[in-house]
Amino acid sequence: MKAAIIELTETRRRLDVEIPAPDVDAAIGRFAEQYRRRAKVPGFRPGKVPVHIARQRFKDDILHDAARDLVPPAVDEALREQAVTPIDTPDVQEVSIDDGQPLTFHALFEVMPSIEGLDYDALTLRRTHVAPDADAIDRAIEELRRRASRLEPVTDRGVDTGDTVTLDLTRRVVRNLEGGPASPSEDRHENVPIELGAAANPPGFDAELTGLQVGESKAFELSYAADHEETELAGTRVSYEVVAKAIHRRLLPDLDDEFARSVGEFDTLEALKTRIASDLQRDAAAEATRGVRHDLMTQLAARVTVHVPETLVDREIERRLEQVATRLAQQRVDLRRVTIDWDALRDEQRAPALEMVRGSMVLDEVARRESLTISDDDVEQELTRYAERLARTPAAVRAQLEKDGGMTRLSEGLRREKAIDFLLSRATIVTA
């Protein structure tokens, strides 16, 4: 077998391979014999078809099977002989195979570039002081009161701010704000609870419901801004028909020691406030640490002057898009109905994906230079933490990761975390 690797760019390579004709003919002969035994040809009993008839009738299939049998091991052997490790599976192209001829093809792939002259000994990172604002404890307390509240029916008045009104609701998109016709759509929902004053309510919605009595109906229209968070409503005018089914007001518990005991193991309200303050401070410290890590990754990415393999960038972009889709699914957004410009979103994610890949390349290089390794105990501890978050057993999590090919990604992530810890331990961190 003849093989040669041609350097197309700093990271892109082309592998040219030629498999000798005798090896090709031997493979063609094996598959021709298989087709001869299985073929059903008029005038011949099963298994008695002459091999030359099988070759004539099934030539394309025989050549395809022979190529599929010869090419993958040839790629592996050529890469092994050339001591080259592709980032991803090589893309085999222009396969040429025929009787009595060598099989030729080429394969395109990318490799990791060599990062030379990397200096990570004099990193200065900035830690931004993050502290909870003065009202954070009060807001947390009010949220706990809200969770512990109860709803009481209202029968002697109409809907007011803070009430929760239960509606039967029909929503129709009338037109887009440019005046053109909108795609016809209509949503009907029964027993929808709407709390007046909630941040999720569209502008003008609360005002239309205020004063509505139980049993009353109302029709109105609202315009949605072009940048509205619900993309299927952005830039449209929508008509609503609502019927009030019930009204409830929220009754908050008194802010006292009894309330503190009802939400946790706290003897007094002051003990609850102390815990909240501690949690907020911990969250602030975690936010500051994330800022330091972000500064580190940004500086590492800036140190990469070599060409970044497109394969890695595309892989990171796809990972980010999958995260977007997962978050939408968790929010019970029907991806078949929501209008998302995935191409535009992919373009938006390119710059942060490129920075992430550059930073990861440096972390991998640091881990290599400093001989940072991951032990079996490190993997088991991470599996245990992961399993606890998912409420599953470590064995079940391991089995799923092995099935999905995720164990390698887990080890890579742990190794990069070790590289981050190593760099942080040597960096100068200043508080701004």
Protein backbone atom coordinates (compact mmCIF):
# COMPACT_ATOMS: atom_id res chain seq x y z
CA MET A 1 0.00 0.00 0.00
CA LYS A 2 1.20 3.48 -0.86
CA ALA A 3 0.19 6.39 1.35
CA ALA A 4 1.18 10.03 1.51
CA ILE A 5 -0.06 12.93 3.61
CA ILE A 6 -0.21 16.38 2.08
CA GLU A 7 -0.37 19.47 4.31
CA LEU A 8 -3.14 21.74 3.01
CA THR A 9 -3.17 24.26 5.87
CA GLU A 10 -1.77 24.51 9.38
CA THR A 11 -4.41 22.05 10.60
CA ARG A 12 -5.92 20.46 7.49
CA ARG A 13 -4.40 17.38 5.84
CA ARG A 14 -5.11 15.16 2.84
CA LEU A 15 -4.27 11.49 2.91
CA ASP A 16 -3.68 9.91 -0.55
CA VAL A 17 -3.83 6.11 -0.59
CA GLU A 18 -3.26 3.45 -3.25
CA ILE A 19 -4.02 -0.21 -2.53
CA PRO A 20 -2.26 -2.64 -4.90
CA ALA A 21 -4.34 -4.36 -7.59
CA PRO A 22 -3.69 -7.93 -6.29
CA ASP A 23 -5.18 -7.00 -2.89
CA VAL A 24 -8.14 -5.36 -4.62
CA ASP A 25 -8.75 -8.34 -6.87
CA ALA A 26 -8.61 -10.69 -3.86
CA ALA A 27 -11.29 -8.66 -2.08
CA ILE A 28 -13.44 -8.49 -5.20
CA GLY A 29 -13.10 -12.25 -5.57
CA ARG A 30 -14.24 -12.87 -1.97
CA PHE A 31 -17.36 -10.76 -2.39
CA ALA A 32 -18.09 -12.18 -5.84
CA GLU A 33 -18.09 -15.65 -4.26
CA GLN A 34 -20.52 -14.46 -1.55
CA TYR A 35 -22.86 -13.00 -4.17
CA ARG A 36 -22.59 -16.20 -6.25
CA ARG A 37 -23.75 -18.33 -3.32
CA ARG A 38 -26.64 -16.01 -2.35
CA ALA A 39 -27.79 -14.81 -5.79
CA LYS A 40 -31.10 -15.84 -7.31
CA VAL A 41 -30.68 -15.85 -11.06
CA PRO A 42 -33.27 -17.32 -13.45
CA GLY A 43 -32.02 -20.58 -14.99
CA PHE A 44 -29.71 -21.44 -12.11
CA ARG A 45 -30.35 -23.29 -8.88
CA PRO A 46 -29.56 -21.41 -5.61
CA GLY A 47 -25.83 -21.55 -4.94
CA LYS A 48 -25.03 -22.78 -8.46
CA VAL A 49 -24.69 -19.41 -10.19
CA PRO A 50 -21.34 -19.23 -12.04
CA VAL A 51 -19.03 -16.66 -10.53
CA HIS A 52 -18.61 -14.80 -13.82
CA ILE A 53 -22.40 -14.35 -14.02
CA ALA A 54 -22.44 -12.98 -10.46
CA ARG A 55 -19.63 -10.58 -11.33
CA GLN A 56 -21.53 -9.29 -14.35
CA ARG A 57 -24.96 -8.92 -12.70
CA PHE A 58 -23.79 -7.52 -9.35
CA LYS A 59 -20.59 -5.73 -10.34
CA ASP A 60 -21.46 -2.36 -8.74
CA ASP A 61 -22.53 -3.99 -5.47
CA ILE A 62 -19.43 -6.19 -5.37
CA LEU A 63 -17.11 -3.24 -5.99
CA HIS A 64 -18.93 -1.17 -3.35
CA ASP A 65 -18.61 -3.92 -0.75
CA ALA A 66 -14.95 -4.50 -1.59
CA ALA A 67 -14.17 -0.81 -1.22
CA ARG A 68 -16.07 -0.61 2.06
CA ASP A 69 -14.02 -3.57 3.29
CA LEU A 70 -10.63 -2.23 2.17
CA VAL A 71 -10.78 1.51 2.80
CA PRO A 72 -11.25 1.83 6.63
CA PRO A 73 -8.33 -0.43 7.60
CA ALA A 74 -6.19 1.27 4.95
CA VAL A 75 -6.94 4.67 6.50
CA ASP A 76 -6.09 3.36 9.98
CA GLU A 77 -2.87 1.74 8.78
CA ALA A 78 -1.74 4.84 6.87
CA LEU A 79 -2.39 7.15 9.81
CA ARG A 80 -0.59 4.77 12.16
CA GLU A 81 2.43 4.56 9.85
CA GLN A 82 2.52 8.35 9.48
CA ALA A 83 2.05 8.83 13.26
CA VAL A 84 -0.84 11.25 12.67
CA THR A 85 -3.92 11.55 14.91
CA PRO A 86 -6.98 13.15 13.31
CA ILE A 87 -9.33 15.24 15.42
CA ASP A 88 -12.32 13.52 13.85
CA THR A 89 -13.06 10.65 11.47
CA PRO A 90 -11.40 11.37 8.10
CA ASP A 91 -13.73 12.24 5.23
CA VAL A 92 -13.03 9.67 2.49
CA GLN A 93 -13.56 10.96 -1.05
CA GLU A 94 -13.07 9.97 -4.71
CA VAL A 95 -12.83 6.21 -4.23
CA SER A 96 -11.82 4.51 -7.49
CA ILE A 97 -12.02 0.70 -7.73
CA ASP A 98 -12.19 -1.78 -10.63
CA ASP A 99 -11.02 -5.22 -11.64
CA GLY A 100 -7.30 -5.43 -12.21
CA GLN A 101 -6.70 -1.86 -10.99
CA PRO A 102 -5.32 -0.39 -7.76
CA LEU A 103 -7.92 1.10 -5.44
CA THR A 104 -7.24 4.80 -4.91
CA PHE A 105 -8.87 7.39 -2.69
CA HIS A 106 -8.06 10.40 -0.58
CA ALA A 107 -9.27 11.40 2.87
CA LEU A 108 -9.49 14.88 4.37
CA PHE A 109 -9.06 15.50 8.08
CA GLU A 110 -7.83 18.01 10.63
CA VAL A 111 -5.11 17.70 13.26
CA MET A 112 -4.31 19.70 16.35
CA PRO A 113 -1.77 22.45 15.69
CA SER A 114 1.41 22.65 17.73
CA ILE A 115 1.30 25.48 20.27
CA GLU A 116 4.83 26.83 20.58
CA GLY A 117 6.17 29.48 22.90
CA LEU A 118 3.22 29.37 25.27
CA ASP A 119 3.88 31.46 28.39
CA TYR A 120 1.56 30.94 31.33
CA ASP A 121 3.92 31.77 34.19
CA ALA A 122 2.99 35.45 34.60
CA LEU A 123 -0.80 35.53 34.59
CA THR A 124 -2.49 38.39 36.45
CA LEU A 125 -6.20 37.84 36.94
CA ARG A 126 -8.84 40.22 38.24
CA ARG A 127 -11.39 39.32 40.86
CA THR A 128 -14.34 41.69 40.85
CA HIS A 129 -15.81 42.23 44.29
CA VAL A 130 -19.37 40.93 44.27
CA ALA A 131 -21.63 41.62 47.22
CA PRO A 132 -25.38 41.20 47.68
CA ASP A 133 -27.23 44.51 47.55
CA ALA A 134 -28.95 45.86 50.63
CA ASP A 135 -32.40 44.64 49.57
CA ALA A 136 -31.37 41.11 48.63
CA ILE A 137 -32.30 39.61 52.01
CA ASP A 138 -35.69 41.31 51.99
CA ARG A 139 -36.39 40.06 48.47
CA ALA A 140 -35.44 36.51 49.47
CA ILE A 141 -37.72 36.70 52.51
CA GLU A 142 -40.61 37.96 50.37
CA GLU A 143 -40.08 35.10 47.92
CA LEU A 144 -40.26 32.61 50.81
CA ARG A 145 -43.45 34.29 52.04
CA ARG A 146 -44.90 34.04 48.57
CA ARG A 147 -44.15 30.32 48.40
CA ALA A 148 -45.79 29.83 51.80
CA SER A 149 -48.82 31.93 50.88
CA ARG A 150 -52.33 30.67 50.14
CA LEU A 151 -54.98 31.84 47.74
CA GLU A 152 -58.38 32.94 49.05
CA PRO A 153 -61.42 33.21 46.76
CA VAL A 154 -62.71 36.73 46.00
CA THR A 155 -66.44 37.15 45.32
CA ASP A 156 -67.24 40.76 46.21
CA ARG A 157 -65.16 42.70 43.66
CA GLY A 158 -63.36 42.58 40.33
CA VAL A 159 -59.77 41.70 39.56
CA ASP A 160 -57.09 43.90 41.16
CA THR A 161 -53.28 44.01 41.19
CA GLY A 162 -51.82 41.04 43.02
CA ASP A 163 -54.88 38.86 42.40
CA THR A 164 -54.76 35.61 40.47
CA VAL A 165 -57.56 35.37 37.94
CA THR A 166 -58.47 32.07 36.29
CA LEU A 167 -59.40 32.52 32.63
CA ASP A 168 -60.62 30.70 29.59
CA LEU A 169 -58.50 32.34 26.91
CA THR A 170 -58.44 32.44 23.12
CA ARG A 171 -55.48 34.09 21.42
CA ARG A 172 -55.28 34.93 17.70
CA VAL A 173 -52.44 36.59 15.81
CA VAL A 174 -54.08 39.38 13.81
CA ARG A 175 -51.20 40.86 11.82
CA ASN A 176 -47.56 41.79 12.04
CA LEU A 177 -46.62 45.31 13.07
CA GLU A 178 -45.50 46.22 9.56
CA GLY A 179 -49.14 45.92 8.53
CA GLY A 180 -48.80 42.70 6.58
CA PRO A 181 -50.93 39.62 7.19
CA ALA A 182 -49.74 37.23 9.87
CA SER A 183 -49.67 33.48 9.63
CA PRO A 184 -53.09 32.29 10.79
CA SER A 185 -52.86 30.82 14.26
CA GLU A 186 -55.17 30.43 17.20
CA ASP A 187 -54.58 29.15 20.71
CA ARG A 188 -57.39 28.16 23.06
CA HIS A 189 -56.73 27.43 26.72
CA GLU A 190 -59.04 26.73 29.64
CA ASN A 191 -58.54 27.54 33.33
CA VAL A 192 -55.36 29.56 32.83
CA PRO A 193 -54.16 31.23 36.07
CA ILE A 194 -52.83 34.78 35.55
CA GLU A 195 -51.38 36.80 38.41
CA LEU A 196 -51.75 40.53 37.86
CA GLY A 197 -48.40 42.24 38.30
CA ALA A 198 -46.30 39.22 37.29
CA ALA A 199 -43.22 40.15 35.26
CA ALA A 200 -44.10 37.55 32.61
CA ASN A 201 -47.32 39.31 31.65
CA PRO A 202 -47.10 41.24 28.36
CA PRO A 203 -47.34 45.05 28.51
CA GLY A 204 -50.97 46.17 28.76
CA PHE A 205 -52.31 42.73 29.71
CA ASP A 206 -52.88 43.56 33.40
CA ALA A 207 -54.73 46.78 32.58
CA GLU A 208 -57.17 44.92 30.33
CA LEU A 209 -57.98 42.41 33.08
CA THR A 210 -58.27 44.90 35.95
CA GLY A 211 -61.86 45.18 37.19
CA LEU A 212 -63.08 42.08 35.39
CA GLN A 213 -65.77 40.26 37.41
CA VAL A 214 -66.27 36.50 37.66
CA GLY A 215 -68.36 35.36 34.70
CA GLU A 216 -67.56 38.44 32.60
CA SER A 217 -65.93 38.20 29.19
CA LYS A 218 -63.78 40.70 27.34
CA ALA A 219 -62.06 41.06 23.96
CA PHE A 220 -58.99 43.21 23.37
CA GLU A 221 -55.82 43.47 21.26
CA LEU A 222 -52.17 43.88 22.24
CA SER A 223 -49.07 44.68 20.21
CA TYR A 224 -45.83 42.78 20.85
CA ALA A 225 -42.45 44.42 20.32
CA ALA A 226 -40.14 43.09 17.65
CA ASP A 227 -37.71 41.87 20.32
CA HIS A 228 -40.35 40.15 22.47
CA GLU A 229 -38.96 37.05 24.22
CA GLU A 230 -41.66 34.80 22.73
CA THR A 231 -40.32 34.72 19.20
CA GLU A 232 -43.57 33.48 17.66
CA LEU A 233 -45.33 36.63 18.95
CA ALA A 234 -42.51 39.12 18.33
CA GLY A 235 -43.55 41.92 15.99
CA THR A 236 -47.24 40.97 15.91
CA ARG A 237 -50.62 42.32 17.00
CA VAL A 238 -52.71 39.75 18.87
CA SER A 239 -56.40 39.64 19.75
CA TYR A 240 -57.58 38.07 23.01
CA GLU A 241 -60.95 36.83 24.15
CA VAL A 242 -61.09 36.02 27.85
CA VAL A 243 -63.73 34.80 30.31
CA ALA A 244 -63.07 35.21 34.04
CA LYS A 245 -63.76 31.92 35.84
CA ALA A 246 -62.47 32.73 39.33
CA ILE A 247 -60.56 35.36 41.30
CA HIS A 248 -58.22 34.69 44.22
CA ARG A 249 -56.15 37.00 46.37
CA ARG A 250 -52.85 35.95 47.85
CA LEU A 251 -52.59 35.87 51.64
CA LEU A 252 -49.01 36.11 52.88
CA PRO A 253 -48.00 34.66 56.28
CA ASP A 254 -46.93 37.02 59.05
CA LEU A 255 -43.21 37.72 59.15
CA ASP A 256 -42.37 36.20 62.54
CA ASP A 257 -40.59 33.33 64.27
CA GLU A 258 -43.44 30.93 63.44
CA PHE A 259 -42.99 31.67 59.74
CA ALA A 260 -39.23 30.99 60.07
CA ARG A 261 -39.94 27.61 61.66
CA SER A 262 -42.40 26.74 58.88
CA VAL A 263 -39.80 27.12 56.10
CA GLY A 264 -36.92 25.22 57.72
CA GLU A 265 -35.01 24.34 60.84
CA PHE A 266 -34.88 27.89 62.19
CA ASP A 267 -35.91 28.83 65.71
CA THR A 268 -36.23 32.53 64.99
CA LEU A 269 -36.73 34.94 62.12
CA GLU A 270 -33.24 36.31 62.77
CA ALA A 271 -31.77 32.83 62.33
CA LEU A 272 -33.51 32.58 58.95
CA LYS A 273 -32.16 35.98 57.91
CA THR A 274 -28.66 34.95 59.00
CA ARG A 275 -28.83 31.82 56.84
CA ILE A 276 -30.10 33.80 53.85
CA ALA A 277 -27.29 36.34 54.28
CA SER A 278 -24.76 33.49 54.42
CA ASP A 279 -26.20 31.87 51.28
CA LEU A 280 -26.16 35.17 49.42
CA GLN A 281 -22.56 35.77 50.41
CA ARG A 282 -21.62 32.29 49.25
CA ASP A 283 -23.36 32.89 45.92
CA ALA A 284 -21.54 36.22 45.58
CA ALA A 285 -18.19 34.53 46.22
CA ALA A 286 -19.03 31.89 43.61
CA GLU A 287 -19.90 34.62 41.12
CA ALA A 288 -16.56 36.32 41.80
CA THR A 289 -14.76 33.01 41.24
CA ARG A 290 -16.57 32.54 37.95
CA GLY A 291 -15.35 35.98 36.96
CA VAL A 292 -11.75 35.00 37.70
CA ARG A 293 -12.13 31.82 35.65
CA HIS A 294 -13.64 33.78 32.78
CA ASP A 295 -10.71 36.22 32.88
CA LEU A 296 -8.34 33.24 32.85
CA MET A 297 -10.00 31.65 29.84
CA THR A 298 -10.07 34.95 27.97
CA GLN A 299 -6.36 35.48 28.54
CA LEU A 300 -5.55 31.89 27.57
CA ALA A 301 -7.56 32.21 24.35
CA ALA A 302 -5.63 35.37 23.47
CA ARG A 303 -2.38 33.40 23.73
CA VAL A 304 -3.42 31.05 20.90
CA THR A 305 -2.01 32.46 17.68
CA VAL A 306 -2.19 29.24 15.66
CA HIS A 307 -5.08 28.33 13.39
CA VAL A 308 -7.97 26.75 15.29
CA PRO A 309 -9.37 23.56 13.70
CA GLU A 310 -12.82 24.17 12.27
CA THR A 311 -13.91 20.74 13.46
CA LEU A 312 -13.52 21.79 17.09
CA VAL A 313 -15.29 25.11 16.55
CA ASP A 314 -18.22 23.42 14.80
CA ARG A 315 -18.41 20.83 17.57
CA GLU A 316 -18.56 23.57 20.24
CA ILE A 317 -21.23 25.49 18.30
CA GLU A 318 -23.37 22.36 18.05
CA ARG A 319 -22.95 21.74 21.78
CA ARG A 320 -24.20 25.26 22.50
CA LEU A 321 -27.18 24.87 20.18
CA GLU A 322 -28.05 21.58 21.88
CA GLN A 323 -28.01 23.41 25.22
CA VAL A 324 -30.43 26.01 23.83
CA ALA A 325 -32.75 23.28 22.58
CA THR A 326 -32.55 21.47 25.93
CA ARG A 327 -33.41 24.62 27.89
CA LEU A 328 -36.40 25.30 25.63
CA ALA A 329 -37.57 21.71 26.05
CA GLN A 330 -37.28 22.01 29.83
CA GLN A 331 -39.45 25.13 29.59
CA ARG A 332 -41.94 23.02 27.62
CA VAL A 333 -41.48 25.07 24.48
CA ASP A 334 -42.65 23.17 21.40
CA LEU A 335 -39.65 23.39 19.07
CA ARG A 336 -41.89 22.45 16.15
CA ARG A 337 -43.98 25.58 16.62
CA VAL A 338 -41.48 28.15 17.85
CA THR A 339 -39.75 30.20 15.17
CA ILE A 340 -35.98 30.17 15.71
CA ASP A 341 -33.44 31.25 13.13
CA TRP A 342 -30.94 28.51 13.89
CA ASP A 343 -28.54 29.74 11.20
CA ALA A 344 -28.43 33.21 12.78
CA LEU A 345 -28.04 31.67 16.24
CA ARG A 346 -25.21 29.52 14.95
CA ASP A 347 -23.45 32.62 13.59
CA GLU A 348 -23.91 34.39 16.95
CA GLN A 349 -22.33 31.47 18.78
CA ARG A 350 -19.26 31.33 16.57
CA ALA A 351 -17.18 33.99 18.37
CA PRO A 352 -17.73 32.61 21.92
CA ALA A 353 -17.24 29.06 20.61
CA LEU A 354 -13.94 30.07 19.04
CA GLU A 355 -12.77 31.62 22.32
CA MET A 356 -13.82 28.53 24.25
CA VAL A 357 -11.92 26.22 21.89
CA ARG A 358 -8.81 28.38 22.07
CA GLY A 359 -8.91 28.33 25.87
CA SER A 360 -9.42 24.56 25.89
CA MET A 361 -6.45 24.09 23.56
CA VAL A 362 -4.23 25.97 26.00
CA LEU A 363 -5.56 23.97 28.96
CA ASP A 364 -4.79 20.72 27.13
CA GLU A 365 -1.28 21.98 26.34
CA VAL A 366 -0.70 23.00 29.97
CA ALA A 367 -1.91 19.58 31.15
CA ARG A 368 0.47 17.91 28.72
CA ARG A 369 3.48 20.02 29.68
CA GLU A 370 2.84 19.68 33.42
CA SER A 371 2.00 15.96 33.17
CA LEU A 372 -1.39 16.45 34.79
CA THR A 373 -3.33 13.19 34.89
CA ILE A 374 -6.72 11.94 36.03
CA SER A 375 -6.89 8.97 38.36
CA ASP A 376 -9.65 6.35 38.60
CA ASP A 377 -10.61 7.90 41.95
CA ASP A 378 -11.06 11.29 40.27
CA VAL A 379 -13.42 9.74 37.75
CA GLU A 380 -15.38 7.84 40.40
CA GLN A 381 -15.81 10.96 42.54
CA GLU A 382 -17.09 12.94 39.55
CA LEU A 383 -19.48 10.13 38.63
CA THR A 384 -20.79 10.13 42.21
CA ARG A 385 -21.35 13.91 42.17
CA TYR A 386 -23.04 13.69 38.78
CA ALA A 387 -25.24 10.81 39.96
CA GLU A 388 -26.33 12.75 43.05
CA ARG A 389 -27.44 15.68 40.90
CA LEU A 390 -29.46 13.33 38.69
CA ALA A 391 -30.77 11.21 41.58
CA ARG A 392 -29.31 8.08 39.95
CA THR A 393 -26.66 5.52 40.89
CA PRO A 394 -23.05 6.03 39.81
CA ALA A 395 -23.18 2.69 37.98
CA ALA A 396 -26.21 3.81 35.95
CA VAL A 397 -24.53 7.11 35.08
CA ARG A 398 -21.33 5.33 34.03
CA ALA A 399 -23.28 2.90 31.84
CA GLN A 400 -25.08 5.76 30.10
CA LEU A 401 -21.87 7.72 29.54
CA GLU A 402 -20.10 4.65 28.16
CA LYS A 403 -23.03 4.05 25.81
CA ASP A 404 -22.94 7.66 24.57
CA GLY A 405 -19.15 7.87 24.41
CA GLY A 406 -19.18 10.38 27.26
CA MET A 407 -16.45 8.92 29.47
CA THR A 408 -13.74 10.44 27.30
CA ARG A 409 -15.40 13.86 27.54
CA LEU A 410 -15.69 13.45 31.31
CA SER A 411 -11.97 12.67 31.63
CA GLU A 412 -11.06 15.58 29.34
CA GLY A 413 -13.15 17.91 31.46
CA LEU A 414 -11.54 16.75 34.69
CA ARG A 415 -8.06 17.12 33.19
CA ARG A 416 -8.85 20.66 32.09
CA GLU A 417 -10.18 21.46 35.57
CA LYS A 418 -6.85 20.31 36.97
CA ALA A 419 -5.09 22.60 34.51
CA ILE A 420 -7.29 25.51 35.62
CA ASP A 421 -6.53 24.80 39.29
CA PHE A 422 -2.83 24.62 38.46
CA LEU A 423 -2.89 27.97 36.63
CA LEU A 424 -4.94 29.65 39.35
CA SER A 425 -2.49 28.46 42.00
CA ARG A 426 0.35 30.20 40.15
CA ALA A 427 -1.47 33.33 38.96
CA THR A 428 -1.51 36.72 40.66
CA ILE A 429 -5.13 37.54 41.50
CA VAL A 430 -5.98 41.16 42.29
CA THR A 431 -9.33 42.37 43.61
CA ALA A 432 -10.76 45.27 41.67
